[in-house]
Amino acid sequence: MIKTLTNTTSSQVDKEMMSLRESGGALTLSRVLSLVIVTPASEMEEPIRAAVQASHEHPCRVLVLVLDAEANEDGLDAEIRVGHDAGAGEVVILHARGQVTTSIDTLITPLLLPDAPIVTWWPNNPPSAPAQDLVGRLSQRRITDSQSCPDPADVMKRLRRGYQEGDSDFSWTRLTNWRGLLASAFDVPPRQTPKLVEVTGNPRNPSVILMSSWLETRLGCEVRVIDASEEVNGLKAVRILRADGDIVLTRENYTQLAMQLPGSQKPQLVSLPRRSLFECLSEELRRLDPDVVYGEVIRHAFEEIADPAEYARNKPAPTVKVFADADELAAQSAKSIVDRLAAAISERGVGHLVLTGGSVGTKVALALPEAARAAGLPLEKLHLWWGDERFVKHSSEDRNDRAVSGLLDAEGLRPEHIHRMPASGSGMSPADAAAWYAQQLALWGGDAQFHTRGMPFFDVVLLGVGPDAHVASLFPKHEAQSECSHPVIPVHDSPKPPPTRVSLSYSVLNSSRSVMLLVAGAEKAEAVANSQCDPEPWLYPASSVRGVQETTWYLDEAAASQLP
């Protein structure tokens, strides 16, 4: 049975489900978990089929989230499937449009089974940090499938940088039977330490990467990857070279492996069909505790960017422009910002600008509407973001967004393109607010870039600089600035009041085509001079944000007074 609801709410969906259960006699007492699937509408049917099939082994409520943040209208449509169409569970497909997508956690919360584990699955295009995703934060397990993405190796690398316990990937699940065979073959006496291991396949296939890393961590010897990408897309063979003979597993066809053991005359054929989506999902649902081995393997496979300075290195050197005073600085920088945004909109159809607080940042923001009008900039194509925000009430004068209402009220700006950070009265904790803002960035296309050096999402990032050389809410010698695995971070015990803030991290601030640092006043001259160095985030945060195409310091004469 399928029931469709148009322009509905979560509570109405819940009531309709109760009605269907009562009329059809279905029960939810046997459901063991809630499975949330986040997928585009065009690719949802295959994951739903796999989930329905898996529900016979793991009875569950399946919630499918289809998000369209760019829709012209706001609303929620739902499709409820029960009985034959939902296997041994229930399937609810939620189509969220426009501003409804900004609160997807509250959208699904009323529909989750009470006191039951939550598993979130991204069949394609997963967030780089699933544990910080709004839905991922609710979940005990978070499942991705990097192999389904256009560039699987890059996705896997980003997943490693955002990894937290509870994450898993189907590229690892597909190796379960391979790993079992290798372990049993290796244990055949006499056990000897291997001299070398060879893994044959596509070097950029996640399963090949994870298999190589697993063997390296478990056997403690060199693992060599042999490129067979012209022959296969995935894993072709594993050879463990030992003094008493080699152990060789080779994929013969879609259903069989050939296994050669030391001393055997010819390989033995082993039935090992390639695993279906259902089989991978069903295995993941059997265990809801963290997969510790996967965590060790993915961390070993890719280096961690532990030094925030890495995001700023190997970019064009900063340049300096000096103006007579703050007013001239604001007027000229506003024109430069508009020029860059106009080029972005012309090339890509959209412009993304990150605003900053402070007196100079406010002057520049308030000068933008006039500069935009003069240049004919289509403001309806512009998105406004913030580099940081004070975590205070929305009505507080301390808020960065309160100071630039003259820009936010400009004719042409679309309200849904003004991306304010949450306030303390929003019902969110600082960590929740950071996760929510990261979700908004992801919904509008910014996610992959924030975990990859040299990939811009923003067109212009504006930054003020404090007398201590801080930018956004990244302060010198403050532990929060070292967090790069999350795009947006909560900041506690800020040395500058108010003490609690939300800030973009270095990885995100460095994901811009153009970075403009706006500084006026003699009290900041020393910080400006000290920041004209190689990236040194711990001491001089302002030195460690660089644009992919350009970085420019816009200074008044007082702020530039200590430059050589």
Protein backbone atom coordinates (compact mmCIF):
# COMPACT_ATOMS: atom_id res chain seq x y z
CA MET A 1 0.00 0.00 0.00
CA ILE A 2 1.26 3.47 -0.90
CA LYS A 3 -0.13 6.71 0.51
CA THR A 4 0.92 10.12 -0.84
CA LEU A 5 0.73 13.40 1.10
CA THR A 6 1.33 16.82 -0.47
CA ASN A 7 2.42 19.98 1.37
CA THR A 8 2.36 18.13 4.64
CA THR A 9 4.21 18.09 7.96
CA SER A 10 6.07 15.46 9.96
CA SER A 11 3.24 15.26 12.49
CA GLN A 12 0.70 14.66 9.74
CA VAL A 13 2.90 11.94 8.28
CA ASP A 14 3.13 10.28 11.70
CA LYS A 15 -0.65 10.41 12.14
CA GLU A 16 -1.18 8.90 8.70
CA MET A 17 1.22 6.08 9.51
CA MET A 18 -0.69 5.32 12.71
CA SER A 19 -3.92 5.25 10.73
CA LEU A 20 -2.47 2.89 8.14
CA ARG A 21 -1.20 0.56 10.85
CA GLU A 22 -4.56 0.50 12.58
CA SER A 23 -6.48 -0.13 9.38
CA GLY A 24 -4.01 -2.68 8.07
CA GLY A 25 -3.20 -4.38 11.33
CA ALA A 26 0.55 -3.73 11.04
CA LEU A 27 2.67 -3.45 14.18
CA THR A 28 5.93 -1.62 14.87
CA LEU A 29 6.82 -3.46 18.07
CA SER A 30 9.18 -5.77 16.19
CA ARG A 31 11.10 -2.97 14.46
CA VAL A 32 14.72 -3.03 15.62
CA LEU A 33 16.06 0.22 14.18
CA SER A 34 15.43 3.34 12.11
CA LEU A 35 17.29 3.46 8.80
CA VAL A 36 17.65 6.94 7.28
CA ILE A 37 18.63 7.10 3.61
CA VAL A 38 19.78 10.45 2.18
CA THR A 39 19.68 10.38 -1.61
CA PRO A 40 18.65 12.37 -4.70
CA ALA A 41 15.21 11.53 -6.11
CA SER A 42 16.73 10.23 -9.33
CA GLU A 43 18.77 7.58 -7.51
CA MET A 44 16.53 6.53 -4.62
CA GLU A 45 14.79 3.40 -5.93
CA GLU A 46 17.78 1.04 -5.84
CA PRO A 47 18.68 1.91 -2.22
CA ILE A 48 15.02 1.55 -1.25
CA ARG A 49 14.87 -1.92 -2.84
CA ALA A 50 18.00 -2.93 -0.93
CA ALA A 51 16.55 -1.57 2.33
CA VAL A 52 13.24 -3.37 1.81
CA GLN A 53 15.08 -6.62 1.15
CA ALA A 54 17.30 -6.09 4.20
CA SER A 55 14.22 -5.41 6.34
CA HIS A 56 13.33 -9.11 6.21
CA GLU A 57 16.48 -9.76 8.24
CA HIS A 58 16.43 -6.45 10.14
CA PRO A 59 12.83 -5.18 10.50
CA CYS A 60 13.12 -1.42 10.46
CA ARG A 61 11.48 1.86 9.64
CA VAL A 62 13.09 3.33 6.54
CA LEU A 63 13.08 7.12 6.20
CA VAL A 64 14.23 8.39 2.81
CA LEU A 65 15.31 12.04 2.67
CA VAL A 66 15.18 13.73 -0.74
CA LEU A 67 16.41 17.33 -0.41
CA ASP A 68 15.99 20.17 -2.89
CA ALA A 69 17.41 23.30 -1.24
CA GLU A 70 17.22 25.32 -4.48
CA ALA A 71 13.50 24.80 -5.06
CA ASN A 72 11.54 28.00 -5.63
CA GLU A 73 8.83 26.95 -3.18
CA ASP A 74 9.11 25.69 0.39
CA GLY A 75 7.29 22.54 1.34
CA LEU A 76 7.26 18.88 2.27
CA ASP A 77 5.71 16.02 0.34
CA ALA A 78 5.63 12.46 1.66
CA GLU A 79 5.06 8.98 0.34
CA ILE A 80 4.29 6.22 2.84
CA ARG A 81 4.77 2.60 1.81
CA VAL A 82 3.56 -0.27 4.01
CA GLY A 83 2.77 -3.93 3.50
CA HIS A 84 4.06 -5.56 0.33
CA ASP A 85 5.71 -2.34 -0.85
CA ALA A 86 7.80 -2.05 2.34
CA GLY A 87 8.90 -5.61 3.10
CA ALA A 88 9.05 -6.32 6.81
CA GLY A 89 9.12 -2.65 7.71
CA GLU A 90 7.77 0.73 6.71
CA VAL A 91 9.14 3.14 4.13
CA VAL A 92 8.56 6.89 4.34
CA ILE A 93 9.92 9.05 1.52
CA LEU A 94 10.19 12.72 2.46
CA HIS A 95 10.66 15.26 -0.35
CA ALA A 96 11.81 18.49 1.34
CA ARG A 97 11.96 21.71 -0.69
CA GLY A 98 13.43 25.14 -0.12
CA GLN A 99 13.74 26.34 3.46
CA VAL A 100 12.34 23.07 4.82
CA THR A 101 15.74 21.52 4.07
CA THR A 102 17.37 23.76 6.67
CA SER A 103 15.87 21.72 9.53
CA ILE A 104 16.07 18.14 8.36
CA ASP A 105 16.99 16.84 11.82
CA THR A 106 13.74 18.19 13.29
CA LEU A 107 11.96 16.96 10.17
CA ILE A 108 12.77 13.31 10.81
CA THR A 109 12.92 13.27 14.63
CA PRO A 110 9.15 12.77 15.10
CA LEU A 111 9.29 9.80 12.70
CA LEU A 112 12.16 7.90 14.32
CA LEU A 113 11.30 4.77 16.29
CA PRO A 114 11.53 5.51 20.01
CA ASP A 115 14.40 3.90 21.94
CA ALA A 116 15.75 2.20 18.82
CA PRO A 117 19.16 2.60 17.16
CA ILE A 118 19.47 4.97 14.21
CA VAL A 119 21.55 4.19 11.13
CA THR A 120 22.10 6.76 8.39
CA TRP A 121 23.12 5.69 4.90
CA TRP A 122 24.32 7.93 2.06
CA PRO A 123 24.25 5.72 -1.08
CA ASN A 124 25.99 8.50 -3.03
CA ASN A 125 27.67 11.87 -2.43
CA PRO A 126 28.21 11.51 1.32
CA PRO A 127 29.22 14.40 3.57
CA SER A 128 32.95 14.53 4.25
CA ALA A 129 32.33 14.44 8.00
CA PRO A 130 29.26 12.17 8.47
CA ALA A 131 29.43 12.46 12.26
CA GLN A 132 28.91 16.23 12.06
CA ASP A 133 26.05 15.99 9.60
CA LEU A 134 22.72 16.96 11.17
CA VAL A 135 21.27 13.51 10.63
CA GLY A 136 24.60 11.76 11.17
CA ARG A 137 24.85 13.29 14.64
CA LEU A 138 21.67 11.44 15.61
CA SER A 139 23.00 8.08 14.44
CA GLN A 140 24.88 5.21 16.03
CA ARG A 141 26.17 4.08 12.64
CA ARG A 142 26.86 6.15 9.53
CA ILE A 143 27.29 4.27 6.25
CA THR A 144 28.75 5.72 3.06
CA ASP A 145 29.59 4.27 -0.35
CA SER A 146 32.57 6.06 -1.82
CA GLN A 147 32.63 3.69 -4.81
CA SER A 148 29.37 5.20 -6.07
CA CYS A 149 30.91 8.69 -6.33
CA PRO A 150 32.55 10.22 -9.42
CA ASP A 151 36.02 10.26 -7.80
CA PRO A 152 35.99 7.49 -5.18
CA ALA A 153 39.58 7.88 -3.97
CA ASP A 154 39.15 11.59 -3.24
CA VAL A 155 35.88 10.91 -1.42
CA MET A 156 37.56 8.22 0.69
CA LYS A 157 40.38 10.63 1.54
CA ARG A 158 37.91 13.22 2.74
CA LEU A 159 35.98 10.62 4.74
CA ARG A 160 39.22 9.75 6.50
CA ARG A 161 39.75 13.37 7.51
CA GLY A 162 36.24 13.59 8.91
CA TYR A 163 36.24 10.06 10.36
CA GLN A 164 34.79 9.32 13.78
CA GLU A 165 33.89 6.02 15.42
CA GLY A 166 30.63 4.71 13.98
CA ASP A 167 31.53 5.54 10.37
CA SER A 168 31.77 2.78 7.77
CA ASP A 169 31.88 2.45 3.99
CA PHE A 170 30.60 -0.22 1.62
CA SER A 171 34.03 -0.33 -0.04
CA TRP A 172 35.17 -1.97 3.21
CA THR A 173 32.11 -4.22 3.47
CA ARG A 174 32.76 -5.58 -0.03
CA LEU A 175 36.10 -6.90 1.26
CA THR A 176 34.68 -9.02 4.09
CA ASN A 177 34.78 -12.34 2.21
CA TRP A 178 38.16 -11.54 0.65
CA ARG A 179 39.58 -10.83 4.09
CA GLY A 180 38.10 -14.02 5.51
CA LEU A 181 39.69 -16.16 2.79
CA LEU A 182 43.06 -14.45 3.14
CA ALA A 183 43.03 -14.90 6.92
CA SER A 184 42.17 -18.61 6.69
CA ALA A 185 44.76 -19.20 3.96
CA PHE A 186 47.44 -17.39 5.93
CA ASP A 187 46.75 -19.54 9.00
CA VAL A 188 47.50 -22.80 7.14
CA PRO A 189 50.71 -24.24 8.73
CA PRO A 190 53.52 -23.50 8.57
CA ARG A 191 52.81 -19.81 9.18
CA GLN A 192 55.66 -17.67 7.91
CA THR A 193 56.27 -13.95 7.85
CA PRO A 194 55.68 -12.67 4.31
CA LYS A 195 58.45 -10.89 2.43
CA LEU A 196 56.12 -8.79 0.31
CA VAL A 197 52.45 -8.43 -0.57
CA GLU A 198 51.14 -7.47 -4.00
CA VAL A 199 47.61 -6.12 -4.50
CA THR A 200 46.47 -5.95 -8.12
CA GLY A 201 43.64 -3.70 -9.25
CA ASN A 202 42.72 -0.08 -9.84
CA PRO A 203 44.90 2.03 -7.47
CA ARG A 204 42.12 4.61 -7.10
CA ASN A 205 39.45 2.07 -6.20
CA PRO A 206 38.56 2.40 -2.48
CA SER A 207 38.46 -1.38 -1.96
CA VAL A 208 41.98 -1.69 -3.37
CA ILE A 209 43.16 1.15 -1.12
CA LEU A 210 41.56 -0.37 1.97
CA MET A 211 42.78 -3.90 1.20
CA SER A 212 46.36 -2.62 0.83
CA SER A 213 46.10 -0.67 4.08
CA TRP A 214 44.56 -3.64 5.96
CA LEU A 215 47.32 -6.03 4.84
CA GLU A 216 50.00 -3.49 5.68
CA THR A 217 48.68 -2.92 9.20
CA ARG A 218 48.12 -6.63 9.87
CA LEU A 219 51.22 -8.16 8.31
CA GLY A 220 53.70 -5.38 8.98
CA CYS A 221 55.42 -5.70 5.61
CA GLU A 222 55.56 -3.76 2.37
CA VAL A 223 52.41 -3.84 0.27
CA ARG A 224 52.84 -3.03 -3.40
CA VAL A 225 49.87 -2.03 -5.57
CA ILE A 226 50.03 -3.24 -9.17
CA ASP A 227 47.99 -1.08 -11.53
CA ALA A 228 45.48 -3.14 -13.51
CA SER A 229 42.99 -0.32 -14.05
CA GLU A 230 42.81 -1.01 -17.80
CA GLU A 231 41.61 -4.54 -17.01
CA VAL A 232 39.40 -4.09 -13.94
CA ASN A 233 37.85 -1.25 -11.98
CA GLY A 234 38.19 -2.90 -8.59
CA LEU A 235 40.27 -5.57 -6.86
CA LYS A 236 41.76 -8.25 -9.15
CA ALA A 237 44.23 -10.24 -7.04
CA VAL A 238 46.23 -10.46 -3.82
CA ARG A 239 49.58 -12.25 -3.64
CA ILE A 240 51.35 -12.86 -0.31
CA LEU A 241 54.97 -13.81 -1.01
CA ARG A 242 56.45 -16.21 1.57
CA ALA A 243 59.60 -18.35 1.66
CA ASP A 244 57.56 -21.59 1.59
CA GLY A 245 55.47 -20.44 -1.36
CA ASP A 246 52.99 -17.78 -2.30
CA ILE A 247 49.36 -17.38 -1.28
CA VAL A 248 47.44 -16.05 -4.28
CA LEU A 249 43.78 -15.07 -4.59
CA THR A 250 42.66 -14.03 -8.07
CA ARG A 251 39.25 -12.90 -9.25
CA GLU A 252 38.41 -15.25 -12.14
CA ASN A 253 34.96 -13.95 -12.97
CA TYR A 254 31.92 -12.32 -11.41
CA THR A 255 31.23 -15.32 -9.16
CA GLN A 256 34.54 -17.10 -8.50
CA LEU A 257 38.02 -16.66 -7.06
CA ALA A 258 41.03 -18.87 -7.74
CA MET A 259 42.99 -19.62 -4.53
CA GLN A 260 46.56 -20.93 -4.75
CA LEU A 261 48.18 -22.14 -1.50
CA PRO A 262 51.84 -23.07 -0.85
CA GLY A 263 52.50 -26.66 -1.93
CA SER A 264 49.33 -27.05 -4.02
CA GLN A 265 49.70 -28.05 -7.64
CA LYS A 266 46.90 -25.97 -9.06
CA PRO A 267 44.57 -23.23 -7.81
CA GLN A 268 41.28 -24.10 -6.18
CA LEU A 269 38.13 -22.35 -7.38
CA VAL A 270 36.14 -20.70 -4.61
CA SER A 271 32.59 -19.38 -5.00
CA LEU A 272 32.68 -15.68 -4.17
CA PRO A 273 30.07 -13.64 -6.08
CA ARG A 274 30.42 -9.89 -6.05
CA ARG A 275 28.36 -8.51 -3.20
CA SER A 276 25.07 -6.81 -3.93
CA LEU A 277 23.89 -3.57 -2.35
CA PHE A 278 21.47 -5.58 -0.21
CA GLU A 279 24.22 -7.88 1.07
CA CYS A 280 26.45 -4.94 2.01
CA LEU A 281 23.61 -3.16 3.79
CA SER A 282 22.45 -6.28 5.59
CA GLU A 283 25.95 -6.95 6.92
CA GLU A 284 26.32 -3.39 8.18
CA LEU A 285 22.99 -3.62 10.02
CA ARG A 286 24.09 -6.79 11.85
CA ARG A 287 26.46 -4.81 14.03
CA LEU A 288 25.81 -1.36 15.36
CA ASP A 289 28.97 -1.01 17.43
CA PRO A 290 31.90 0.91 15.89
CA ASP A 291 34.00 -1.02 13.38
CA VAL A 292 37.36 -0.48 15.05
CA VAL A 293 39.35 -2.25 12.34
CA TYR A 294 37.87 -0.08 9.60
CA GLY A 295 38.84 2.98 11.61
CA GLU A 296 42.43 1.77 11.92
CA VAL A 297 42.63 0.90 8.24
CA ILE A 298 41.22 4.15 6.83
CA ARG A 299 43.42 6.20 9.15
CA HIS A 300 46.46 4.26 7.98
CA ALA A 301 45.51 4.59 4.31
CA PHE A 302 45.55 8.39 4.19
CA GLU A 303 47.65 10.99 5.92
CA GLU A 304 45.92 13.34 8.28
CA ILE A 305 46.25 17.08 7.82
CA ALA A 306 47.20 17.74 11.42
CA ASP A 307 48.82 21.10 10.68
CA PRO A 308 46.25 23.75 9.65
CA ALA A 309 49.03 25.57 7.81
CA GLU A 310 48.85 22.89 5.10
CA TYR A 311 45.64 24.42 3.77
CA ALA A 312 47.40 27.76 3.18
CA ARG A 313 50.64 26.49 1.66
CA ASN A 314 51.49 26.38 -2.04
CA LYS A 315 49.16 29.26 -2.91
CA PRO A 316 49.95 32.64 -4.45
CA ALA A 317 51.83 34.97 -2.11
CA PRO A 318 49.70 37.72 -0.50
CA THR A 319 49.78 41.26 -1.83
CA VAL A 320 49.18 44.51 0.07
CA LYS A 321 47.10 47.56 -0.81
CA VAL A 322 47.31 50.66 1.39
CA PHE A 323 44.68 53.42 1.55
CA ALA A 324 44.56 56.76 3.32
CA ASP A 325 41.89 55.78 5.84
CA ALA A 326 39.18 53.24 6.65
CA ASP A 327 36.57 54.99 4.51
CA GLU A 328 38.68 54.84 1.37
CA LEU A 329 39.64 51.24 2.24
CA ALA A 330 35.96 50.27 2.50
CA ALA A 331 34.95 51.96 -0.75
CA GLN A 332 37.77 50.48 -2.81
CA SER A 333 37.53 46.99 -1.36
CA ALA A 334 33.75 46.97 -1.97
CA LYS A 335 34.40 47.65 -5.66
CA SER A 336 36.96 44.82 -5.77
CA ILE A 337 34.53 42.43 -4.09
CA VAL A 338 31.75 43.27 -6.54
CA ASP A 339 34.12 42.77 -9.51
CA ARG A 340 35.03 39.28 -8.31
CA LEU A 341 31.44 38.33 -7.55
CA ALA A 342 30.31 39.58 -10.96
CA ALA A 343 32.95 37.39 -12.62
CA ALA A 344 31.84 34.40 -10.53
CA ILE A 345 28.17 34.86 -11.43
CA SER A 346 29.05 35.28 -15.09
CA GLU A 347 31.14 32.09 -15.09
CA ARG A 348 29.16 29.83 -12.72
CA GLY A 349 25.75 31.46 -12.31
CA VAL A 350 26.18 32.02 -8.56
CA GLY A 351 28.41 33.96 -6.17
CA HIS A 352 29.37 33.03 -2.60
CA LEU A 353 30.65 35.76 -0.25
CA VAL A 354 31.78 35.28 3.35
CA LEU A 355 31.23 38.34 5.56
CA THR A 356 33.22 39.35 8.61
CA GLY A 357 32.51 41.35 11.75
CA GLY A 358 34.39 44.30 13.20
CA SER A 359 34.28 47.98 12.36
CA VAL A 360 36.08 47.73 9.02
CA GLY A 361 34.23 44.59 7.96
CA THR A 362 30.94 46.34 8.73
CA LYS A 363 31.96 49.41 6.71
CA VAL A 364 32.81 47.22 3.74
CA ALA A 365 29.55 45.25 3.97
CA LEU A 366 27.49 48.45 4.11
CA ALA A 367 29.33 49.80 1.06
CA LEU A 368 28.45 46.73 -1.01
CA PRO A 369 24.84 47.59 -2.03
CA GLU A 370 25.89 50.86 -3.71
CA ALA A 371 28.88 49.19 -5.37
CA ALA A 372 26.62 46.36 -6.57
CA ARG A 373 24.09 48.80 -8.04
CA ALA A 374 26.82 50.71 -9.84
CA ALA A 375 28.18 47.51 -11.37
CA GLY A 376 24.79 45.98 -12.14
CA LEU A 377 25.51 42.95 -9.97
CA PRO A 378 22.47 40.59 -9.87
CA LEU A 379 22.06 40.26 -6.11
CA GLU A 380 19.48 37.49 -6.48
CA LYS A 381 22.34 35.19 -7.48
CA LEU A 382 24.47 36.06 -4.44
CA HIS A 383 24.80 33.92 -1.30
CA LEU A 384 25.97 35.52 1.95
CA TRP A 385 27.77 33.51 4.62
CA TRP A 386 29.61 34.43 7.83
CA GLY A 387 33.14 33.50 8.85
CA ASP A 388 32.13 33.41 12.50
CA GLU A 389 29.40 34.52 14.85
CA ARG A 390 29.07 35.26 18.54
CA PHE A 391 26.83 32.64 20.14
CA VAL A 392 24.44 35.07 21.78
CA LYS A 393 20.75 35.84 21.37
CA HIS A 394 19.61 36.86 17.92
CA SER A 395 18.61 40.30 19.19
CA SER A 396 22.03 40.99 20.75
CA GLU A 397 24.05 43.88 19.35
CA ASP A 398 27.10 41.62 19.63
CA ARG A 399 25.90 39.60 16.65
CA ASN A 400 27.90 40.16 13.46
CA ASP A 401 24.78 39.88 11.31
CA ARG A 402 22.98 42.64 13.25
CA ALA A 403 25.57 45.21 12.22
CA VAL A 404 25.10 44.70 8.48
CA SER A 405 21.31 44.94 8.19
CA GLY A 406 21.83 47.65 5.56
CA LEU A 407 23.31 44.98 3.28
CA LEU A 408 20.86 42.24 4.23
CA ASP A 409 17.91 44.50 3.41
CA ALA A 410 19.27 45.34 -0.04
CA GLU A 411 16.75 44.94 -2.83
CA GLY A 412 17.33 41.79 -4.85
CA LEU A 413 18.89 39.63 -2.17
CA ARG A 414 16.88 36.45 -1.68
CA PRO A 415 16.16 35.70 2.01
CA GLU A 416 17.02 32.01 1.51
CA HIS A 417 20.46 33.06 0.28
CA ILE A 418 21.29 34.85 3.55
CA HIS A 419 22.88 32.12 5.64
CA ARG A 420 23.02 33.35 9.24
CA MET A 421 24.67 31.27 11.92
CA PRO A 422 22.30 30.08 14.69
CA ALA A 423 21.86 32.13 17.85
CA SER A 424 21.93 30.96 21.45
CA GLY A 425 18.13 31.14 21.65
CA SER A 426 17.69 28.70 18.76
CA GLY A 427 17.50 25.66 21.01
CA MET A 428 20.86 24.45 19.72
CA SER A 429 24.08 23.98 21.62
CA PRO A 430 27.22 25.53 20.07
CA ALA A 431 28.16 22.10 18.69
CA ASP A 432 24.65 21.69 17.23
CA ALA A 433 24.88 25.15 15.68
CA ALA A 434 28.23 24.29 14.08
CA ALA A 435 26.79 21.05 12.67
CA TRP A 436 23.73 22.87 11.36
CA TYR A 437 25.85 25.47 9.57
CA ALA A 438 28.04 22.77 8.05
CA GLN A 439 24.85 21.15 6.77
CA GLN A 440 23.79 24.39 5.10
CA LEU A 441 27.15 24.67 3.38
CA ALA A 442 26.82 21.09 2.15
CA LEU A 443 23.27 21.63 0.87
CA TRP A 444 24.45 24.50 -1.31
CA GLY A 445 27.40 22.58 -2.73
CA GLY A 446 30.21 23.28 -0.28
CA ASP A 447 31.56 20.17 1.36
CA ALA A 448 34.13 18.30 -0.68
CA GLN A 449 36.28 21.41 -1.03
CA PHE A 450 36.57 21.85 2.72
CA HIS A 451 38.55 18.63 3.10
CA THR A 452 40.68 19.03 -0.03
CA ARG A 453 43.56 21.42 -0.44
CA GLY A 454 43.22 23.79 -3.37
CA MET A 455 39.52 23.38 -4.25
CA PRO A 456 37.56 26.65 -3.87
CA PHE A 457 33.88 26.92 -2.98
CA PHE A 458 33.60 30.55 -1.90
CA ASP A 459 34.37 33.31 -4.35
CA VAL A 460 35.43 35.89 -1.74
CA VAL A 461 36.22 35.49 1.95
CA LEU A 462 36.42 38.71 3.96
CA LEU A 463 38.38 38.65 7.20
CA GLY A 464 39.02 41.22 9.87
CA VAL A 465 42.22 40.87 11.88
CA GLY A 466 42.46 41.43 15.62
CA PRO A 467 45.37 43.06 17.48
CA ASP A 468 46.46 39.51 18.37
CA ALA A 469 46.30 38.47 14.68
CA HIS A 470 43.15 36.37 15.11
CA VAL A 471 40.76 35.89 12.20
CA ALA A 472 37.13 34.76 12.41
CA SER A 473 37.11 33.10 15.86
CA LEU A 474 40.46 31.36 15.41
CA PHE A 475 42.67 32.77 18.14
CA PRO A 476 46.43 32.42 18.72
CA LYS A 477 47.38 29.47 20.93
CA HIS A 478 43.73 28.44 21.31
CA GLU A 479 43.00 24.73 20.97
CA ALA A 480 39.89 25.25 18.82
CA GLN A 481 41.94 26.49 15.88
CA SER A 482 43.60 23.08 15.53
CA GLU A 483 40.30 21.41 14.57
CA CYS A 484 40.29 20.96 10.80
CA SER A 485 38.31 17.74 10.38
CA HIS A 486 35.04 19.66 10.79
CA PRO A 487 34.07 22.51 8.47
CA VAL A 488 32.44 24.52 11.26
CA ILE A 489 33.51 24.44 14.91
CA PRO A 490 32.22 25.62 18.28
CA VAL A 491 34.66 27.88 20.14
CA HIS A 492 34.58 28.00 23.93
CA ASP A 493 36.56 30.23 26.30
CA SER A 494 37.34 32.77 23.62
CA PRO A 495 39.99 35.25 24.84
CA LYS A 496 37.79 37.99 23.40
CA PRO A 497 34.22 38.34 24.72
CA PRO A 498 31.71 36.91 24.31
CA PRO A 499 33.36 33.61 25.26
CA THR A 500 31.24 31.26 23.13
CA ARG A 501 31.28 31.44 19.34
CA VAL A 502 30.83 29.46 16.15
CA SER A 503 33.49 29.70 13.45
CA LEU A 504 34.50 28.33 10.09
CA SER A 505 37.67 26.25 10.42
CA TYR A 506 40.94 26.80 8.54
CA SER A 507 40.02 24.16 5.97
CA VAL A 508 36.89 26.10 5.00
CA LEU A 509 38.34 29.61 5.15
CA ASN A 510 41.08 28.46 2.79
CA SER A 511 38.51 27.20 0.27
CA SER A 512 38.07 30.50 -1.52
CA ARG A 513 39.20 31.93 -4.82
CA SER A 514 39.93 35.27 -3.21
CA VAL A 515 40.75 36.15 0.41
CA MET A 516 40.62 39.79 1.50
CA LEU A 517 41.96 40.81 4.90
CA LEU A 518 40.52 44.18 5.96
CA VAL A 519 42.48 46.04 8.63
CA ALA A 520 42.51 49.63 9.91
CA GLY A 521 44.08 51.24 12.95
CA ALA A 522 47.55 51.62 14.48
CA GLU A 523 46.70 49.13 17.26
CA LYS A 524 46.72 46.38 14.64
CA ALA A 525 49.95 47.38 12.90
CA GLU A 526 52.09 44.88 14.79
CA ALA A 527 49.69 42.01 14.04
CA VAL A 528 49.71 42.97 10.36
CA ALA A 529 53.50 43.03 10.24
CA ASN A 530 53.86 39.72 12.10
CA SER A 531 51.38 38.01 9.78
CA GLN A 532 53.42 38.76 6.64
CA CYS A 533 55.18 35.42 6.98
CA ASP A 534 54.88 31.81 5.96
CA PRO A 535 51.70 30.24 7.37
CA GLU A 536 52.05 30.09 11.17
CA PRO A 537 48.52 29.46 12.50
CA TRP A 538 49.35 28.79 16.14
CA LEU A 539 50.94 32.22 16.63
CA TYR A 540 49.49 34.29 13.77
CA PRO A 541 46.17 32.94 12.48
CA ALA A 542 45.94 35.76 9.92
CA SER A 543 49.01 34.37 8.17
CA SER A 544 47.26 31.07 7.49
CA VAL A 545 44.26 31.92 5.35
CA ARG A 546 45.11 32.16 1.65
CA GLY A 547 42.99 32.30 -1.47
CA VAL A 548 43.42 29.75 -4.23
CA GLN A 549 43.80 32.57 -6.77
CA GLU A 550 44.74 35.58 -4.64
CA THR A 551 45.16 36.91 -1.12
CA THR A 552 45.10 40.68 -0.59
CA TRP A 553 45.62 42.76 2.53
CA TYR A 554 43.53 45.94 2.42
CA LEU A 555 45.09 48.33 4.96
CA ASP A 556 44.83 51.94 5.99
CA GLU A 557 48.08 53.82 6.50
CA ALA A 558 48.02 53.32 10.28
CA ALA A 559 47.66 49.54 10.01
CA ALA A 560 50.46 49.44 7.44
CA SER A 561 52.82 51.59 9.51
CA GLN A 562 55.07 48.72 10.67
CA LEU A 563 55.44 47.03 7.31
CA PRO A 564 58.97 47.14 5.87
